[in-house]
Protein backbone atom coordinates (compact mmCIF):
# COMPACT_ATOMS: atom_id res chain seq x y z
CA MET A 1 12.07 1.34 8.12
CA THR A 2 10.84 4.78 9.07
CA GLY A 3 7.24 5.19 10.07
CA TYR A 4 6.74 1.62 11.24
CA SER A 5 6.19 0.74 14.88
CA MET A 6 4.75 -1.97 17.08
CA VAL A 7 2.58 -1.32 20.07
CA LYS A 8 1.54 -4.01 22.54
CA VAL A 9 -2.24 -3.89 23.20
CA GLY A 10 -3.46 -6.45 25.68
CA ASN A 11 -2.03 -9.81 24.50
CA ASP A 12 -1.65 -8.70 20.83
CA TYR A 13 0.81 -6.46 18.94
CA VAL A 14 -0.52 -3.69 16.64
CA VAL A 15 1.58 -2.71 13.68
CA GLN A 16 1.37 1.08 12.90
CA VAL A 17 2.56 3.12 9.96
CA ASN A 18 2.85 6.85 10.64
CA ASP A 19 0.63 6.53 13.70
CA LYS A 20 -2.10 4.65 11.83
CA CYS A 21 -2.95 1.13 13.01
CA ILE A 22 -2.88 -1.23 10.13
CA LEU A 23 -2.50 -4.69 11.42
CA LYS A 24 -2.96 -6.70 14.75
CA VAL A 25 -1.04 -9.94 15.32
CA GLY A 26 -0.56 -12.29 18.20
CA SER A 27 3.27 -12.29 18.52
CA ARG A 28 5.96 -9.67 18.56
CA ARG A 29 8.13 -11.93 16.32
CA LYS A 30 5.40 -12.12 13.57
CA ALA A 31 4.90 -8.37 13.70
CA ALA A 32 8.60 -7.74 13.19
CA GLN A 33 8.63 -10.29 10.30
CA LEU A 34 5.68 -8.66 8.57
CA ILE A 35 7.35 -5.10 8.90
CA SER A 36 10.50 -6.54 7.44
CA GLU A 37 8.79 -8.18 4.50
CA ALA A 38 6.71 -4.95 3.76
CA THR A 39 9.87 -2.91 3.89
CA ASP A 40 11.60 -5.31 1.52
CA LEU A 41 8.53 -5.15 -0.92
CA LEU A 42 8.44 -1.42 -0.90
CA ASN A 43 12.23 -1.06 -1.51
CA ALA A 44 11.88 -3.57 -4.47
CA LEU A 45 9.08 -1.57 -5.94
CA ALA A 46 11.19 1.65 -5.66
CA THR A 47 13.88 0.07 -7.91
CA VAL A 48 11.48 -0.99 -10.64
CA PRO A 49 11.12 1.63 -13.41
CA SER A 50 7.58 2.66 -13.90
CA PRO A 51 6.08 1.95 -17.34
CA GLU A 52 5.30 4.84 -19.71
CA ILE A 53 1.62 5.76 -19.45
CA ALA A 54 -0.09 6.38 -22.85
CA PRO A 55 -3.14 8.64 -22.89
CA GLU A 56 -6.33 6.65 -22.91
CA ALA A 57 -8.28 6.65 -26.20
CA PRO A 58 -12.07 6.44 -25.73
CA SER A 59 -13.39 2.89 -26.07
CA LEU A 60 -16.49 3.87 -27.91
CA ALA A 61 -16.97 6.91 -30.25
CA ARG A 62 -19.76 9.18 -29.09
CA GLU A 63 -22.07 11.01 -31.38
CA ALA A 64 -22.85 14.67 -30.79
CA PRO A 65 -26.47 15.04 -29.33
CA GLU A 66 -28.96 16.54 -31.71
CA LEU A 67 -30.10 20.01 -30.65
CA PRO A 68 -33.68 21.17 -31.60
């Protein structure tokens, strides 16, 4: 869970990732739950192999412009 932090601002908690504020919630418990869920999702994505990316073919054939 590196890079995540919670900061209390007034009555709310701000979730930060690498010193960038991304979310404001009303309770510390909810902020911790959201951080945990985000970490789980990122870890799950890291284990899924990425699909092979085929080069894109042009959708329409273009004609060469006529030069005078």
